[in-house]
Amino acid sequence: MAAQTFIRWARLGVWEWLLALVQERGIKLGMGFLDGANIRAHQKAAGIAMEGSSE
């Protein structure tokens, strides 16, 4: 859903419009990065006791 919205906005020129609006108001933008990585921890890392475990 997020990717579809991003692509739709890119095709419509929304990102360029927002950038122009921000620059027009004198706001300086830096560069940011988002990481979409998802790392799952082992069940024991969360401190959840499993049924039948000896711990």
PDB file of N, CA and C in Angstrom:
ATOM      1  N   MET A   1       0.827  -1.196   0.000  1.00  0.00           N
ATOM      2  CA  MET A   1       0.000   0.000   0.000  1.00  0.00           C
ATOM      3  C   MET A   1       0.874   1.264   0.000  1.00  0.00           C
ATOM      4  N   ALA A   2       1.899   1.278   0.856  1.00  0.00           N
ATOM      5  CA  ALA A   2       2.768   2.458   0.923  1.00  0.00           C
ATOM      6  C   ALA A   2       3.509   2.654  -0.395  1.00  0.00           C
ATOM      7  N   ALA A   3       3.983   1.564  -0.984  1.00  0.00           N
ATOM      8  CA  ALA A   3       4.702   1.663  -2.255  1.00  0.00           C
ATOM      9  C   ALA A   3       3.776   2.153  -3.360  1.00  0.00           C
ATOM     10  N   GLN A   4       2.556   1.672  -3.370  1.00  0.00           N
ATOM     11  CA  GLN A   4       1.586   2.110  -4.382  1.00  0.00           C
ATOM     12  C   GLN A   4       1.304   3.601  -4.253  1.00  0.00           C
ATOM     13  N   THR A   5       1.151   4.068  -3.025  1.00  0.00           N
ATOM     14  CA  THR A   5       0.902   5.493  -2.800  1.00  0.00           C
ATOM     15  C   THR A   5       2.104   6.317  -3.238  1.00  0.00           C
ATOM     16  N   PHE A   6       3.311   5.861  -2.897  1.00  0.00           N
ATOM     17  CA  PHE A   6       4.520   6.572  -3.297  1.00  0.00           C
ATOM     18  C   PHE A   6       4.599   6.691  -4.820  1.00  0.00           C
ATOM     19  N   ILE A   7       4.373   5.598  -5.519  1.00  0.00           N
ATOM     20  CA  ILE A   7       4.441   5.593  -6.987  1.00  0.00           C
ATOM     21  C   ILE A   7       3.361   6.490  -7.581  1.00  0.00           C
ATOM     22  N   ARG A   8       2.156   6.421  -7.051  1.00  0.00           N
ATOM     23  CA  ARG A   8       1.056   7.264  -7.554  1.00  0.00           C
ATOM     24  C   ARG A   8       1.392   8.737  -7.366  1.00  0.00           C
ATOM     25  N   TRP A   9       1.907   9.100  -6.198  1.00  0.00           N
ATOM     26  CA  TRP A   9       2.273  10.490  -5.934  1.00  0.00           C
ATOM     27  C   TRP A   9       3.418  10.930  -6.833  1.00  0.00           C
ATOM     28  N   ALA A  10       4.370  10.029  -7.093  1.00  0.00           N
ATOM     29  CA  ALA A  10       5.483  10.371  -7.980  1.00  0.00           C
ATOM     30  C   ALA A  10       4.972  10.673  -9.380  1.00  0.00           C
ATOM     31  N   ARG A  11       4.056   9.866  -9.868  1.00  0.00           N
ATOM     32  CA  ARG A  11       3.491  10.079 -11.214  1.00  0.00           C
ATOM     33  C   ARG A  11       2.679  11.358 -11.291  1.00  0.00           C
ATOM     34  N   LEU A  12       2.038  11.717 -10.191  1.00  0.00           N
ATOM     35  CA  LEU A  12       1.224  12.935 -10.161  1.00  0.00           C
ATOM     36  C   LEU A  12       2.046  14.196  -9.900  1.00  0.00           C
ATOM     37  N   GLY A  13       3.333  14.030  -9.557  1.00  0.00           N
ATOM     38  CA  GLY A  13       4.188  15.184  -9.296  1.00  0.00           C
ATOM     39  C   GLY A  13       4.033  15.764  -7.903  1.00  0.00           C
ATOM     40  N   VAL A  14       3.469  14.984  -6.992  1.00  0.00           N
ATOM     41  CA  VAL A  14       3.238  15.469  -5.630  1.00  0.00           C
ATOM     42  C   VAL A  14       4.553  15.777  -4.923  1.00  0.00           C
ATOM     43  N   TRP A  15       5.560  14.913  -5.101  1.00  0.00           N
ATOM     44  CA  TRP A  15       6.833  15.117  -4.412  1.00  0.00           C
ATOM     45  C   TRP A  15       7.516  16.402  -4.872  1.00  0.00           C
ATOM     46  N   GLU A  16       7.495  16.668  -6.162  1.00  0.00           N
ATOM     47  CA  GLU A  16       8.091  17.914  -6.672  1.00  0.00           C
ATOM     48  C   GLU A  16       7.334  19.129  -6.153  1.00  0.00           C
ATOM     49  N   TRP A  17       6.019  19.017  -6.100  1.00  0.00           N
ATOM     50  CA  TRP A  17       5.190  20.118  -5.606  1.00  0.00           C
ATOM     51  C   TRP A  17       5.500  20.395  -4.135  1.00  0.00           C
ATOM     52  N   LEU A  18       5.603  19.328  -3.326  1.00  0.00           N
ATOM     53  CA  LEU A  18       5.923  19.508  -1.909  1.00  0.00           C
ATOM     54  C   LEU A  18       7.306  20.124  -1.719  1.00  0.00           C
ATOM     55  N   LEU A  19       8.284  19.661  -2.492  1.00  0.00           N
ATOM     56  CA  LEU A  19       9.637  20.214  -2.394  1.00  0.00           C
ATOM     57  C   LEU A  19       9.639  21.700  -2.740  1.00  0.00           C
ATOM     58  N   ALA A  20       8.950  22.062  -3.807  1.00  0.00           N
ATOM     59  CA  ALA A  20       8.879  23.467  -4.215  1.00  0.00           C
ATOM     60  C   ALA A  20       8.206  24.311  -3.133  1.00  0.00           C
ATOM     61  N   LEU A  21       7.155  23.784  -2.547  1.00  0.00           N
ATOM     62  CA  LEU A  21       6.435  24.498  -1.488  1.00  0.00           C
ATOM     63  C   LEU A  21       7.331  24.728  -0.273  1.00  0.00           C
ATOM     64  N   VAL A  22       8.053  23.707   0.127  1.00  0.00           N
ATOM     65  CA  VAL A  22       8.950  23.814   1.283  1.00  0.00           C
ATOM     66  C   VAL A  22      10.074  24.804   0.994  1.00  0.00           C
ATOM     67  N   GLN A  23      10.676  24.704  -0.184  1.00  0.00           N
ATOM     68  CA  GLN A  23      11.760  25.617  -0.539  1.00  0.00           C
ATOM     69  C   GLN A  23      11.270  27.051  -0.640  1.00  0.00           C
ATOM     70  N   GLU A  24      10.067  27.230  -1.117  1.00  0.00           N
ATOM     71  CA  GLU A  24       9.466  28.559  -1.240  1.00  0.00           C
ATOM     72  C   GLU A  24       9.328  29.220   0.130  1.00  0.00           C
ATOM     73  N   ARG A  25       9.096  28.418   1.147  1.00  0.00           N
ATOM     74  CA  ARG A  25       8.940  28.944   2.506  1.00  0.00           C
ATOM     75  C   ARG A  25      10.265  29.072   3.239  1.00  0.00           C
ATOM     76  N   GLY A  26      11.365  28.776   2.553  1.00  0.00           N
ATOM     77  CA  GLY A  26      12.685  28.981   3.128  1.00  0.00           C
ATOM     78  C   GLY A  26      13.141  27.897   4.085  1.00  0.00           C
ATOM     79  N   ILE A  27      12.531  26.743   4.017  1.00  0.00           N
ATOM     80  CA  ILE A  27      12.927  25.647   4.894  1.00  0.00           C
ATOM     81  C   ILE A  27      14.027  24.850   4.217  1.00  0.00           C
ATOM     82  N   LYS A  28      15.123  24.643   4.927  1.00  0.00           N
ATOM     83  CA  LYS A  28      16.227  23.871   4.380  1.00  0.00           C
ATOM     84  C   LYS A  28      16.050  22.407   4.760  1.00  0.00           C
ATOM     85  N   LEU A  29      16.149  21.568   3.767  1.00  0.00           N
ATOM     86  CA  LEU A  29      15.978  20.138   4.007  1.00  0.00           C
ATOM     87  C   LEU A  29      17.318  19.426   3.970  1.00  0.00           C
ATOM     88  N   GLY A  30      17.456  18.433   4.814  1.00  0.00           N
ATOM     89  CA  GLY A  30      18.630  17.565   4.803  1.00  0.00           C
ATOM     90  C   GLY A  30      18.255  16.262   4.106  1.00  0.00           C
ATOM     91  N   MET A  31      19.132  15.309   4.220  1.00  0.00           N
ATOM     92  CA  MET A  31      18.866  14.028   3.603  1.00  0.00           C
ATOM     93  C   MET A  31      18.560  13.016   4.699  1.00  0.00           C
ATOM     94  N   GLY A  32      17.572  12.201   4.488  1.00  0.00           N
ATOM     95  CA  GLY A  32      17.211  11.179   5.457  1.00  0.00           C
ATOM     96  C   GLY A  32      17.062   9.833   4.777  1.00  0.00           C
ATOM     97  N   PHE A  33      17.248   8.802   5.537  1.00  0.00           N
ATOM     98  CA  PHE A  33      17.133   7.454   5.005  1.00  0.00           C
ATOM     99  C   PHE A  33      16.201   6.646   5.890  1.00  0.00           C
ATOM    100  N   LEU A  34      15.393   5.830   5.266  1.00  0.00           N
ATOM    101  CA  LEU A  34      14.535   4.904   5.990  1.00  0.00           C
ATOM    102  C   LEU A  34      15.002   3.498   5.678  1.00  0.00           C
ATOM    103  N   ASP A  35      15.037   2.671   6.681  1.00  0.00           N
ATOM    104  CA  ASP A  35      15.437   1.294   6.499  1.00  0.00           C
ATOM    105  C   ASP A  35      14.216   0.411   6.686  1.00  0.00           C
ATOM    106  N   GLY A  36      13.867  -0.324   5.691  1.00  0.00           N
ATOM    107  CA  GLY A  36      12.699  -1.192   5.761  1.00  0.00           C
ATOM    108  C   GLY A  36      13.025  -2.601   6.189  1.00  0.00           C
ATOM    109  N   ALA A  37      14.222  -2.826   6.695  1.00  0.00           N
ATOM    110  CA  ALA A  37      14.614  -4.175   7.100  1.00  0.00           C
ATOM    111  C   ALA A  37      13.799  -4.612   8.314  1.00  0.00           C
ATOM    112  N   ASN A  38      13.477  -5.861   8.325  1.00  0.00           N
ATOM    113  CA  ASN A  38      12.720  -6.431   9.425  1.00  0.00           C
ATOM    114  C   ASN A  38      13.488  -7.653   9.911  1.00  0.00           C
ATOM    115  N   ILE A  39      14.001  -7.589  11.120  1.00  0.00           N
ATOM    116  CA  ILE A  39      14.778  -8.694  11.664  1.00  0.00           C
ATOM    117  C   ILE A  39      14.005  -9.284  12.831  1.00  0.00           C
ATOM    118  N   ARG A  40      13.661 -10.547  12.694  1.00  0.00           N
ATOM    119  CA  ARG A  40      12.906 -11.215  13.744  1.00  0.00           C
ATOM    120  C   ARG A  40      13.854 -11.849  14.753  1.00  0.00           C
ATOM    121  N   ALA A  41      13.585 -11.606  16.011  1.00  0.00           N
ATOM    122  CA  ALA A  41      14.387 -12.205  17.076  1.00  0.00           C
ATOM    123  C   ALA A  41      13.848 -13.597  17.390  1.00  0.00           C
ATOM    124  N   HIS A  42      14.703 -14.422  17.943  1.00  0.00           N
ATOM    125  CA  HIS A  42      14.275 -15.740  18.385  1.00  0.00           C
ATOM    126  C   HIS A  42      13.264 -15.559  19.507  1.00  0.00           C
ATOM    127  N   GLN A  43      12.334 -16.511  19.654  1.00  0.00           N
ATOM    128  CA  GLN A  43      11.286 -16.418  20.674  1.00  0.00           C
ATOM    129  C   GLN A  43      11.861 -16.237  22.076  1.00  0.00           C
ATOM    130  N   LYS A  44      12.986 -16.900  22.363  1.00  0.00           N
ATOM    131  CA  LYS A  44      13.576 -16.788  23.698  1.00  0.00           C
ATOM    132  C   LYS A  44      14.152 -15.400  23.939  1.00  0.00           C
ATOM    133  N   ALA A  45      14.468 -14.674  22.892  1.00  0.00           N
ATOM    134  CA  ALA A  45      15.016 -13.330  23.047  1.00  0.00           C
ATOM    135  C   ALA A  45      13.987 -12.368  23.614  1.00  0.00           C
ATOM    136  N   ALA A  46      12.720 -12.669  23.416  1.00  0.00           N
ATOM    137  CA  ALA A  46      11.650 -11.801  23.919  1.00  0.00           C
ATOM    138  C   ALA A  46      11.285 -12.142  25.363  1.00  0.00           C
ATOM    139  N   GLY A  47      11.882 -13.221  25.908  1.00  0.00           N
ATOM    140  CA  GLY A  47      11.596 -13.591  27.289  1.00  0.00           C
ATOM    141  C   GLY A  47      10.293 -14.345  27.464  1.00  0.00           C
ATOM    142  N   ILE A  48       9.764 -14.918  26.392  1.00  0.00           N
ATOM    143  CA  ILE A  48       8.502 -15.652  26.453  1.00  0.00           C
ATOM    144  C   ILE A  48       8.825 -17.127  26.692  1.00  0.00           C
ATOM    145  N   ALA A  49       8.258 -17.682  27.745  1.00  0.00           N
ATOM    146  CA  ALA A  49       8.465 -19.109  28.033  1.00  0.00           C
ATOM    147  C   ALA A  49       7.513 -19.916  27.160  1.00  0.00           C
ATOM    148  N   MET A  50       8.058 -20.909  26.491  1.00  0.00           N
ATOM    149  CA  MET A  50       7.238 -21.774  25.639  1.00  0.00           C
ATOM    150  C   MET A  50       6.697 -22.937  26.457  1.00  0.00           C
ATOM    151  N   GLU A  51       5.536 -23.449  26.058  1.00  0.00           N
ATOM    152  CA  GLU A  51       4.969 -24.601  26.740  1.00  0.00           C
ATOM    153  C   GLU A  51       5.896 -25.796  26.613  1.00  0.00           C
ATOM    154  N   GLY A  52       6.073 -26.511  27.688  1.00  0.00           N
ATOM    155  CA  GLY A  52       6.877 -27.714  27.663  1.00  0.00           C
ATOM    156  C   GLY A  52       8.380 -27.476  27.683  1.00  0.00           C
ATOM    157  N   SER A  53       8.802 -26.227  27.794  1.00  0.00           N
ATOM    158  CA  SER A  53      10.245 -25.982  27.841  1.00  0.00           C
ATOM    159  C   SER A  53      10.765 -26.243  29.237  1.00  0.00           C
ATOM    160  N   SER A  54      12.007 -26.642  29.324  1.00  0.00           N
ATOM    161  CA  SER A  54      12.591 -26.969  30.629  1.00  0.00           C
ATOM    162  C   SER A  54      13.142 -25.740  31.334  1.00  0.00           C
ATOM    163  N   GLU A  55      13.075 -24.593  30.710  1.00  0.00           N
ATOM    164  CA  GLU A  55      13.647 -23.362  31.313  1.00  0.00           C
ATOM    165  C   GLU A  55      12.649 -22.655  32.173  1.00  0.00           C
TER     166      GLU A  55
END
